Amino acid sequence: MPADGSGEPADAAAGKAPRKRRNRWIWICALLTVVATGLLIWALTIQSDLDSTQQDLTNANQKLDSTGQELDKVADVGRSSQDRALTAGSSPGARMR
């Protein structure tokens, strides 16, 4: 008991402030905030990478379609040239040359 009989601890009566205890919930909340912020940044980065990859895939598919169309045109020209050559080769005037 304190010497002055006031009911306060002797340290408080002597003018010393009681030691403040840091609440562990504040630290837990701060840690969770840091973790949540990190996860948010990670998710946004992953979404950006996914969007970029999807755009690259779309561009590649468009290029593939374009190349396929060009190949079909070349094949058609080749077939028509081959047909003309076969037709010209089977005519009697072509053999005289």
PDB file of N, CA and C in Angstrom:
ATOM      1  N   MET A   1       0.834  -1.183   0.000  1.00  0.00           N
ATOM      2  CA  MET A   1       0.000   0.000   0.000  1.00  0.00           C
ATOM      3  C   MET A   1       0.869   1.233   0.000  1.00  0.00           C
ATOM      4  N   PRO A   2       0.341   2.273  -0.542  1.00  0.00           N
ATOM      5  CA  PRO A   2       1.130   3.489  -0.625  1.00  0.00           C
ATOM      6  C   PRO A   2       1.296   4.140   0.744  1.00  0.00           C
ATOM      7  N   ALA A   3       2.337   4.902   0.799  1.00  0.00           N
ATOM      8  CA  ALA A   3       2.662   5.550   2.068  1.00  0.00           C
ATOM      9  C   ALA A   3       1.687   6.664   2.401  1.00  0.00           C
ATOM     10  N   ASP A   4       1.057   7.274   1.391  1.00  0.00           N
ATOM     11  CA  ASP A   4       0.180   8.408   1.683  1.00  0.00           C
ATOM     12  C   ASP A   4      -1.259   7.994   1.941  1.00  0.00           C
ATOM     13  N   GLY A   5      -1.620   6.723   1.717  1.00  0.00           N
ATOM     14  CA  GLY A   5      -2.958   6.238   2.019  1.00  0.00           C
ATOM     15  C   GLY A   5      -4.000   6.637   0.996  1.00  0.00           C
ATOM     16  N   SER A   6      -3.609   7.097  -0.203  1.00  0.00           N
ATOM     17  CA  SER A   6      -4.567   7.553  -1.207  1.00  0.00           C
ATOM     18  C   SER A   6      -5.134   6.406  -2.036  1.00  0.00           C
ATOM     19  N   GLY A   7      -4.616   5.244  -1.960  1.00  0.00           N
ATOM     20  CA  GLY A   7      -5.091   4.101  -2.728  1.00  0.00           C
ATOM     21  C   GLY A   7      -4.398   3.964  -4.071  1.00  0.00           C
ATOM     22  N   GLU A   8      -3.524   4.873  -4.405  1.00  0.00           N
ATOM     23  CA  GLU A   8      -2.785   4.794  -5.664  1.00  0.00           C
ATOM     24  C   GLU A   8      -1.454   4.102  -5.406  1.00  0.00           C
ATOM     25  N   PRO A   9      -0.900   3.483  -6.451  1.00  0.00           N
ATOM     26  CA  PRO A   9       0.405   2.848  -6.266  1.00  0.00           C
ATOM     27  C   PRO A   9       1.464   3.887  -5.909  1.00  0.00           C
ATOM     28  N   ALA A  10       2.484   3.410  -5.290  1.00  0.00           N
ATOM     29  CA  ALA A  10       3.543   4.300  -4.836  1.00  0.00           C
ATOM     30  C   ALA A  10       4.224   5.002  -6.001  1.00  0.00           C
ATOM     31  N   ASP A  11       4.367   4.318  -7.171  1.00  0.00           N
ATOM     32  CA  ASP A  11       5.006   4.932  -8.335  1.00  0.00           C
ATOM     33  C   ASP A  11       4.170   6.101  -8.847  1.00  0.00           C
ATOM     34  N   ALA A  12       2.881   5.925  -8.916  1.00  0.00           N
ATOM     35  CA  ALA A  12       2.012   6.994  -9.400  1.00  0.00           C
ATOM     36  C   ALA A  12       2.015   8.156  -8.419  1.00  0.00           C
ATOM     37  N   ALA A  13       2.067   7.852  -7.172  1.00  0.00           N
ATOM     38  CA  ALA A  13       2.079   8.904  -6.175  1.00  0.00           C
ATOM     39  C   ALA A  13       3.390   9.673  -6.216  1.00  0.00           C
ATOM     40  N   ALA A  14       4.441   9.041  -6.661  1.00  0.00           N
ATOM     41  CA  ALA A  14       5.739   9.693  -6.724  1.00  0.00           C
ATOM     42  C   ALA A  14       5.879  10.558  -7.968  1.00  0.00           C
ATOM     43  N   GLY A  15       4.869  10.596  -8.833  1.00  0.00           N
ATOM     44  CA  GLY A  15       4.925  11.428 -10.026  1.00  0.00           C
ATOM     45  C   GLY A  15       5.392  10.701 -11.274  1.00  0.00           C
ATOM     46  N   LYS A  16       5.633   9.443 -11.166  1.00  0.00           N
ATOM     47  CA  LYS A  16       6.033   8.671 -12.340  1.00  0.00           C
ATOM     48  C   LYS A  16       4.782   8.230 -13.087  1.00  0.00           C
ATOM     49  N   ALA A  17       4.821   8.418 -14.411  1.00  0.00           N
ATOM     50  CA  ALA A  17       3.685   7.980 -15.229  1.00  0.00           C
ATOM     51  C   ALA A  17       3.735   6.470 -15.362  1.00  0.00           C
ATOM     52  N   PRO A  18       2.601   5.840 -15.302  1.00  0.00           N
ATOM     53  CA  PRO A  18       2.618   4.378 -15.462  1.00  0.00           C
ATOM     54  C   PRO A  18       3.032   4.023 -16.895  1.00  0.00           C
ATOM     55  N   ARG A  19       3.734   2.937 -17.016  1.00  0.00           N
ATOM     56  CA  ARG A  19       4.247   2.523 -18.326  1.00  0.00           C
ATOM     57  C   ARG A  19       3.063   2.137 -19.216  1.00  0.00           C
ATOM     58  N   LYS A  20       3.053   2.729 -20.425  1.00  0.00           N
ATOM     59  CA  LYS A  20       1.977   2.421 -21.363  1.00  0.00           C
ATOM     60  C   LYS A  20       2.254   1.062 -21.990  1.00  0.00           C
ATOM     61  N   ARG A  21       1.228   0.265 -22.014  1.00  0.00           N
ATOM     62  CA  ARG A  21       1.337  -1.044 -22.623  1.00  0.00           C
ATOM     63  C   ARG A  21       0.807  -0.967 -24.042  1.00  0.00           C
ATOM     64  N   ARG A  22       1.611  -1.371 -24.988  1.00  0.00           N
ATOM     65  CA  ARG A  22       1.152  -1.341 -26.374  1.00  0.00           C
ATOM     66  C   ARG A  22       0.214  -2.521 -26.576  1.00  0.00           C
ATOM     67  N   ASN A  23      -0.870  -2.191 -27.218  1.00  0.00           N
ATOM     68  CA  ASN A  23      -1.871  -3.204 -27.441  1.00  0.00           C
ATOM     69  C   ASN A  23      -1.455  -4.084 -28.618  1.00  0.00           C
ATOM     70  N   ARG A  24      -1.452  -5.379 -28.417  1.00  0.00           N
ATOM     71  CA  ARG A  24      -1.021  -6.298 -29.475  1.00  0.00           C
ATOM     72  C   ARG A  24      -1.988  -6.282 -30.647  1.00  0.00           C
ATOM     73  N   TRP A  25      -3.232  -5.916 -30.442  1.00  0.00           N
ATOM     74  CA  TRP A  25      -4.195  -5.875 -31.545  1.00  0.00           C
ATOM     75  C   TRP A  25      -3.853  -4.783 -32.552  1.00  0.00           C
ATOM     76  N   ILE A  26      -3.244  -3.723 -32.073  1.00  0.00           N
ATOM     77  CA  ILE A  26      -2.803  -2.670 -32.996  1.00  0.00           C
ATOM     78  C   ILE A  26      -1.727  -3.228 -33.925  1.00  0.00           C
ATOM     79  N   TRP A  27      -0.808  -3.987 -33.382  1.00  0.00           N
ATOM     80  CA  TRP A  27       0.253  -4.580 -34.202  1.00  0.00           C
ATOM     81  C   TRP A  27      -0.304  -5.631 -35.159  1.00  0.00           C
ATOM     82  N   ILE A  28      -1.266  -6.408 -34.700  1.00  0.00           N
ATOM     83  CA  ILE A  28      -1.878  -7.411 -35.566  1.00  0.00           C
ATOM     84  C   ILE A  28      -2.608  -6.725 -36.721  1.00  0.00           C
ATOM     85  N   CYS A  29      -3.337  -5.661 -36.425  1.00  0.00           N
ATOM     86  CA  CYS A  29      -4.044  -4.915 -37.473  1.00  0.00           C
ATOM     87  C   CYS A  29      -3.057  -4.281 -38.461  1.00  0.00           C
ATOM     88  N   ALA A  30      -1.974  -3.742 -37.935  1.00  0.00           N
ATOM     89  CA  ALA A  30      -0.965  -3.151 -38.820  1.00  0.00           C
ATOM     90  C   ALA A  30      -0.351  -4.216 -39.718  1.00  0.00           C
ATOM     91  N   LEU A  31      -0.063  -5.374 -39.173  1.00  0.00           N
ATOM     92  CA  LEU A  31       0.493  -6.470 -39.959  1.00  0.00           C
ATOM     93  C   LEU A  31      -0.504  -6.930 -41.026  1.00  0.00           C
ATOM     94  N   LEU A  32      -1.757  -7.069 -40.651  1.00  0.00           N
ATOM     95  CA  LEU A  32      -2.779  -7.473 -41.622  1.00  0.00           C
ATOM     96  C   LEU A  32      -2.946  -6.427 -42.725  1.00  0.00           C
ATOM     97  N   THR A  33      -2.814  -5.164 -42.383  1.00  0.00           N
ATOM     98  CA  THR A  33      -2.896  -4.103 -43.393  1.00  0.00           C
ATOM     99  C   THR A  33      -1.742  -4.208 -44.386  1.00  0.00           C
ATOM    100  N   VAL A  34      -0.561  -4.469 -43.878  1.00  0.00           N
ATOM    101  CA  VAL A  34       0.603  -4.623 -44.755  1.00  0.00           C
ATOM    102  C   VAL A  34       0.425  -5.848 -45.663  1.00  0.00           C
ATOM    103  N   VAL A  35      -0.058  -6.939 -45.103  1.00  0.00           N
ATOM    104  CA  VAL A  35      -0.284  -8.150 -45.887  1.00  0.00           C
ATOM    105  C   VAL A  35      -1.355  -7.905 -46.950  1.00  0.00           C
ATOM    106  N   ALA A  36      -2.454  -7.253 -46.569  1.00  0.00           N
ATOM    107  CA  ALA A  36      -3.534  -6.974 -47.520  1.00  0.00           C
ATOM    108  C   ALA A  36      -3.047  -6.058 -48.645  1.00  0.00           C
ATOM    109  N   THR A  37      -2.240  -5.074 -48.308  1.00  0.00           N
ATOM    110  CA  THR A  37      -1.695  -4.169 -49.324  1.00  0.00           C
ATOM    111  C   THR A  37      -0.779  -4.937 -50.273  1.00  0.00           C
ATOM    112  N   GLY A  38       0.053  -5.800 -49.735  1.00  0.00           N
ATOM    113  CA  GLY A  38       0.929  -6.618 -50.571  1.00  0.00           C
ATOM    114  C   GLY A  38       0.144  -7.529 -51.500  1.00  0.00           C
ATOM    115  N   LEU A  39      -0.913  -8.157 -50.983  1.00  0.00           N
ATOM    116  CA  LEU A  39      -1.750  -9.016 -51.811  1.00  0.00           C
ATOM    117  C   LEU A  39      -2.458  -8.227 -52.904  1.00  0.00           C
ATOM    118  N   LEU A  40      -2.895  -7.019 -52.590  1.00  0.00           N
ATOM    119  CA  LEU A  40      -3.549  -6.171 -53.584  1.00  0.00           C
ATOM    120  C   LEU A  40      -2.582  -5.830 -54.712  1.00  0.00           C
ATOM    121  N   ILE A  41      -1.376  -5.438 -54.356  1.00  0.00           N
ATOM    122  CA  ILE A  41      -0.370  -5.106 -55.368  1.00  0.00           C
ATOM    123  C   ILE A  41      -0.052  -6.338 -56.216  1.00  0.00           C
ATOM    124  N   TRP A  42       0.095  -7.489 -55.578  1.00  0.00           N
ATOM    125  CA  TRP A  42       0.377  -8.732 -56.293  1.00  0.00           C
ATOM    126  C   TRP A  42      -0.762  -9.064 -57.254  1.00  0.00           C
ATOM    127  N   ALA A  43      -2.005  -8.948 -56.801  1.00  0.00           N
ATOM    128  CA  ALA A  43      -3.163  -9.266 -57.642  1.00  0.00           C
ATOM    129  C   ALA A  43      -3.251  -8.331 -58.835  1.00  0.00           C
ATOM    130  N   LEU A  44      -2.984  -7.057 -58.625  1.00  0.00           N
ATOM    131  CA  LEU A  44      -3.030  -6.105 -59.734  1.00  0.00           C
ATOM    132  C   LEU A  44      -1.933  -6.395 -60.754  1.00  0.00           C
ATOM    133  N   THR A  45      -0.777  -6.798 -60.274  1.00  0.00           N
ATOM    134  CA  THR A  45       0.324  -7.151 -61.166  1.00  0.00           C
ATOM    135  C   THR A  45      -0.022  -8.393 -61.980  1.00  0.00           C
ATOM    136  N   ILE A  46      -0.590  -9.386 -61.324  1.00  0.00           N
ATOM    137  CA  ILE A  46      -0.984 -10.621 -62.013  1.00  0.00           C
ATOM    138  C   ILE A  46      -2.053 -10.314 -63.056  1.00  0.00           C
ATOM    139  N   GLN A  47      -3.024  -9.465 -62.718  1.00  0.00           N
ATOM    140  CA  GLN A  47      -4.084  -9.110 -63.661  1.00  0.00           C
ATOM    141  C   GLN A  47      -3.512  -8.379 -64.866  1.00  0.00           C
ATOM    142  N   SER A  48      -2.553  -7.500 -64.626  1.00  0.00           N
ATOM    143  CA  SER A  48      -1.916  -6.782 -65.729  1.00  0.00           C
ATOM    144  C   SER A  48      -1.168  -7.749 -66.640  1.00  0.00           C
ATOM    145  N   ASP A  49      -0.454  -8.705 -66.049  1.00  0.00           N
ATOM    146  CA  ASP A  49       0.261  -9.707 -66.842  1.00  0.00           C
ATOM    147  C   ASP A  49      -0.716 -10.564 -67.641  1.00  0.00           C
ATOM    148  N   LEU A  50      -1.832 -10.914 -67.024  1.00  0.00           N
ATOM    149  CA  LEU A  50      -2.840 -11.717 -67.712  1.00  0.00           C
ATOM    150  C   LEU A  50      -3.430 -10.959 -68.894  1.00  0.00           C
ATOM    151  N   ASP A  51      -3.730  -9.684 -68.692  1.00  0.00           N
ATOM    152  CA  ASP A  51      -4.259  -8.861 -69.782  1.00  0.00           C
ATOM    153  C   ASP A  51      -3.260  -8.757 -70.926  1.00  0.00           C
ATOM    154  N   SER A  52      -1.990  -8.574 -70.590  1.00  0.00           N
ATOM    155  CA  SER A  52      -0.939  -8.473 -71.600  1.00  0.00           C
ATOM    156  C   SER A  52      -0.798  -9.782 -72.367  1.00  0.00           C
ATOM    157  N   THR A  53      -0.825 -10.893 -71.667  1.00  0.00           N
ATOM    158  CA  THR A  53      -0.716 -12.199 -72.302  1.00  0.00           C
ATOM    159  C   THR A  53      -1.921 -12.462 -73.203  1.00  0.00           C
ATOM    160  N   GLN A  54      -3.102 -12.087 -72.735  1.00  0.00           N
ATOM    161  CA  GLN A  54      -4.304 -12.268 -73.543  1.00  0.00           C
ATOM    162  C   GLN A  54      -4.227 -11.436 -74.825  1.00  0.00           C
ATOM    163  N   GLN A  55      -3.728 -10.219 -74.724  1.00  0.00           N
ATOM    164  CA  GLN A  55      -3.574  -9.367 -75.905  1.00  0.00           C
ATOM    165  C   GLN A  55      -2.557  -9.970 -76.880  1.00  0.00           C
ATOM    166  N   ASP A  56      -1.448 -10.498 -76.352  1.00  0.00           N
ATOM    167  CA  ASP A  56      -0.452 -11.154 -77.204  1.00  0.00           C
ATOM    168  C   ASP A  56      -1.054 -12.364 -77.923  1.00  0.00           C
ATOM    169  N   LEU A  57      -1.872 -13.132 -77.212  1.00  0.00           N
ATOM    170  CA  LEU A  57      -2.518 -14.297 -77.807  1.00  0.00           C
ATOM    171  C   LEU A  57      -3.493 -13.888 -78.901  1.00  0.00           C
ATOM    172  N   THR A  58      -4.245 -12.834 -78.668  1.00  0.00           N
ATOM    173  CA  THR A  58      -5.174 -12.331 -79.681  1.00  0.00           C
ATOM    174  C   THR A  58      -4.422 -11.876 -80.924  1.00  0.00           C
ATOM    175  N   ASN A  59      -3.331 -11.152 -80.734  1.00  0.00           N
ATOM    176  CA  ASN A  59      -2.523 -10.698 -81.868  1.00  0.00           C
ATOM    177  C   ASN A  59      -1.941 -11.879 -82.649  1.00  0.00           C
ATOM    178  N   ALA A  60      -1.467 -12.896 -81.925  1.00  0.00           N
ATOM    179  CA  ALA A  60      -0.895 -14.064 -82.595  1.00  0.00           C
ATOM    180  C   ALA A  60      -1.971 -14.809 -83.395  1.00  0.00           C
ATOM    181  N   ASN A  61      -3.173 -14.927 -82.832  1.00  0.00           N
ATOM    182  CA  ASN A  61      -4.255 -15.598 -83.555  1.00  0.00           C
ATOM    183  C   ASN A  61      -4.658 -14.819 -84.804  1.00  0.00           C
ATOM    184  N   GLN A  62      -4.680 -13.505 -84.710  1.00  0.00           N
ATOM    185  CA  GLN A  62      -5.002 -12.696 -85.885  1.00  0.00           C
ATOM    186  C   GLN A  62      -3.939 -12.861 -86.963  1.00  0.00           C
ATOM    187  N   LYS A  63      -2.684 -12.887 -86.556  1.00  0.00           N
ATOM    188  CA  LYS A  63      -1.600 -13.066 -87.514  1.00  0.00           C
ATOM    189  C   LYS A  63      -1.677 -14.452 -88.148  1.00  0.00           C
ATOM    190  N   LEU A  64      -2.009 -15.458 -87.344  1.00  0.00           N
ATOM    191  CA  LEU A  64      -2.147 -16.816 -87.850  1.00  0.00           C
ATOM    192  C   LEU A  64      -3.285 -16.893 -88.868  1.00  0.00           C
ATOM    193  N   ASP A  65      -4.411 -16.263 -88.574  1.00  0.00           N
ATOM    194  CA  ASP A  65      -5.534 -16.245 -89.512  1.00  0.00           C
ATOM    195  C   ASP A  65      -5.140 -15.555 -90.820  1.00  0.00           C
ATOM    196  N   SER A  66      -4.449 -14.431 -90.708  1.00  0.00           N
ATOM    197  CA  SER A  66      -4.004 -13.691 -91.887  1.00  0.00           C
ATOM    198  C   SER A  66      -3.041 -14.527 -92.723  1.00  0.00           C
ATOM    199  N   THR A  67      -2.118 -15.200 -92.067  1.00  0.00           N
ATOM    200  CA  THR A  67      -1.151 -16.044 -92.768  1.00  0.00           C
ATOM    201  C   THR A  67      -1.866 -17.220 -93.438  1.00  0.00           C
ATOM    202  N   GLY A  68      -2.848 -17.781 -92.764  1.00  0.00           N
ATOM    203  CA  GLY A  68      -3.622 -18.876 -93.355  1.00  0.00           C
ATOM    204  C   GLY A  68      -4.369 -18.427 -94.599  1.00  0.00           C
ATOM    205  N   GLN A  69      -4.936 -17.231 -94.573  1.00  0.00           N
ATOM    206  CA  GLN A  69      -5.630 -16.701 -95.747  1.00  0.00           C
ATOM    207  C   GLN A  69      -4.660 -16.476 -96.904  1.00  0.00           C
ATOM    208  N   GLU A  70      -3.480 -15.942 -96.604  1.00  0.00           N
ATOM    209  CA  GLU A  70      -2.468 -15.742 -97.647  1.00  0.00           C
ATOM    210  C   GLU A  70      -2.037 -17.080 -98.233  1.00  0.00           C
ATOM    211  N   LEU A  71      -1.883 -18.078 -97.397  1.00  0.00           N
ATOM    212  CA  LEU A  71      -1.497 -19.410 -97.860  1.00  0.00           C
ATOM    213  C   LEU A  71      -2.578 -19.997 -98.760  1.00  0.00           C
ATOM    214  N   ASP A  72      -3.825 -19.808 -98.404  1.00  0.00           N
ATOM    215  CA  ASP A  72      -4.929 -20.296 -99.241  1.00  0.00           C
ATOM    216  C   ASP A  72      -4.906 -19.615-100.605  1.00  0.00           C
ATOM    217  N   LYS A  73      -4.637 -18.310-100.628  1.00  0.00           N
ATOM    218  CA  LYS A  73      -4.573 -17.590-101.907  1.00  0.00           C
ATOM    219  C   LYS A  73      -3.430 -18.121-102.771  1.00  0.00           C
ATOM    220  N   VAL A  74      -2.274 -18.342-102.180  1.00  0.00           N
ATOM    221  CA  VAL A  74      -1.127 -18.861-102.922  1.00  0.00           C
ATOM    222  C   VAL A  74      -1.435 -20.264-103.434  1.00  0.00           C
ATOM    223  N   ALA A  75      -2.078 -21.068-102.607  1.00  0.00           N
ATOM    224  CA  ALA A  75      -2.439 -22.424-103.033  1.00  0.00           C
ATOM    225  C   ALA A  75      -3.422 -22.375-104.198  1.00  0.00           C
ATOM    226  N   ASP A  76      -4.375 -21.457-104.150  1.00  0.00           N
ATOM    227  CA  ASP A  76      -5.335 -21.318-105.251  1.00  0.00           C
ATOM    228  C   ASP A  76      -4.624 -20.911-106.540  1.00  0.00           C
ATOM    229  N   VAL A  77      -3.686 -19.971-106.445  1.00  0.00           N
ATOM    230  CA  VAL A  77      -2.919 -19.543-107.620  1.00  0.00           C
ATOM    231  C   VAL A  77      -2.100 -20.714-108.155  1.00  0.00           C
ATOM    232  N   GLY A  78      -1.509 -21.481-107.285  1.00  0.00           N
ATOM    233  CA  GLY A  78      -0.714 -22.646-107.691  1.00  0.00           C
ATOM    234  C   GLY A  78      -1.579 -23.691-108.380  1.00  0.00           C
ATOM    235  N   ARG A  79      -2.763 -23.942-107.830  1.00  0.00           N
ATOM    236  CA  ARG A  79      -3.664 -24.920-108.439  1.00  0.00           C
ATOM    237  C   ARG A  79      -4.119 -24.461-109.819  1.00  0.00           C
ATOM    238  N   SER A  80      -4.469 -23.166-109.914  1.00  0.00           N
ATOM    239  CA  SER A  80      -4.926 -22.673-111.219  1.00  0.00           C
ATOM    240  C   SER A  80      -3.787 -22.703-112.238  1.00  0.00           C
ATOM    241  N   SER A  81      -2.574 -22.421-111.829  1.00  0.00           N
ATOM    242  CA  SER A  81      -1.420 -22.495-112.741  1.00  0.00           C
ATOM    243  C   SER A  81      -1.185 -23.932-113.165  1.00  0.00           C
ATOM    244  N   GLN A  82      -1.310 -24.850-112.240  1.00  0.00           N
ATOM    245  CA  GLN A  82      -1.121 -26.262-112.548  1.00  0.00           C
ATOM    246  C   GLN A  82      -2.220 -26.751-113.500  1.00  0.00           C
ATOM    247  N   ASP A  83      -3.451 -26.322-113.249  1.00  0.00           N
ATOM    248  CA  ASP A  83      -4.555 -26.701-114.141  1.00  0.00           C
ATOM    249  C   ASP A  83      -4.328 -26.158-115.540  1.00  0.00           C
ATOM    250  N   ARG A  84      -3.866 -24.912-115.645  1.00  0.00           N
ATOM    251  CA  ARG A  84      -3.590 -24.329-116.962  1.00  0.00           C
ATOM    252  C   ARG A  84      -2.473 -25.079-117.674  1.00  0.00           C
ATOM    253  N   ALA A  85      -1.472 -25.450-116.925  1.00  0.00           N
ATOM    254  CA  ALA A  85      -0.353 -26.177-117.526  1.00  0.00           C
ATOM    255  C   ALA A  85      -0.798 -27.547-118.005  1.00  0.00           C
ATOM    256  N   LEU A  86      -1.623 -28.214-117.231  1.00  0.00           N
ATOM    257  CA  LEU A  86      -2.115 -29.530-117.639  1.00  0.00           C
ATOM    258  C   LEU A  86      -3.028 -29.417-118.852  1.00  0.00           C
ATOM    259  N   THR A  87      -3.863 -28.370-118.851  1.00  0.00           N
ATOM    260  CA  THR A  87      -4.762 -28.156-119.971  1.00  0.00           C
ATOM    261  C   THR A  87      -3.969 -27.807-121.226  1.00  0.00           C
ATOM    262  N   ALA A  88      -2.983 -26.969-121.094  1.00  0.00           N
ATOM    263  CA  ALA A  88      -2.157 -26.576-122.243  1.00  0.00           C
ATOM    264  C   ALA A  88      -1.334 -27.755-122.736  1.00  0.00           C
ATOM    265  N   GLY A  89      -0.910 -28.617-121.847  1.00  0.00           N
ATOM    266  CA  GLY A  89      -0.105 -29.776-122.228  1.00  0.00           C
ATOM    267  C   GLY A  89      -0.916 -30.827-122.950  1.00  0.00           C
ATOM    268  N   SER A  90      -2.188 -30.877-122.725  1.00  0.00           N
ATOM    269  CA  SER A  90      -3.017 -31.884-123.365  1.00  0.00           C
ATOM    270  C   SER A  90      -3.594 -31.426-124.703  1.00  0.00           C
ATOM    271  N   SER A  91      -3.457 -30.144-125.034  1.00  0.00           N
ATOM    272  CA  SER A  91      -3.973 -29.657-126.318  1.00  0.00           C
ATOM    273  C   SER A  91      -2.984 -29.987-127.431  1.00  0.00           C
ATOM    274  N   PRO A  92      -3.477 -30.239-128.659  1.00  0.00           N
ATOM    275  CA  PRO A  92      -2.569 -30.620-129.757  1.00  0.00           C
ATOM    276  C   PRO A  92      -1.614 -29.501-130.138  1.00  0.00           C
ATOM    277  N   GLY A  93      -1.981 -28.265-129.999  1.00  0.00           N
ATOM    278  CA  GLY A  93      -1.092 -27.174-130.368  1.00  0.00           C
ATOM    279  C   GLY A  93       0.087 -27.046-129.442  1.00  0.00           C
ATOM    280  N   ALA A  94      -0.032 -27.505-128.216  1.00  0.00           N
ATOM    281  CA  ALA A  94       1.056 -27.403-127.251  1.00  0.00           C
ATOM    282  C   ALA A  94       2.157 -28.408-127.550  1.00  0.00           C
ATOM    283  N   ARG A  95       1.826 -29.509-128.204  1.00  0.00           N
ATOM    284  CA  ARG A  95       2.828 -30.528-128.477  1.00  0.00           C
ATOM    285  C   ARG A  95       3.736 -30.121-129.628  1.00  0.00           C
ATOM    286  N   MET A  96       3.295 -29.245-130.465  1.00  0.00           N
ATOM    287  CA  MET A  96       4.082 -28.850-131.630  1.00  0.00           C
ATOM    288  C   MET A  96       5.194 -27.889-131.261  1.00  0.00           C
ATOM    289  N   ARG A  97       5.136 -27.265-130.222  1.00  0.00           N
ATOM    290  CA  ARG A  97       6.147 -26.281-129.861  1.00  0.00           C
ATOM    291  C   ARG A  97       7.454 -26.871-129.622  1.00  0.00           C
TER     292      ARG A  97
END
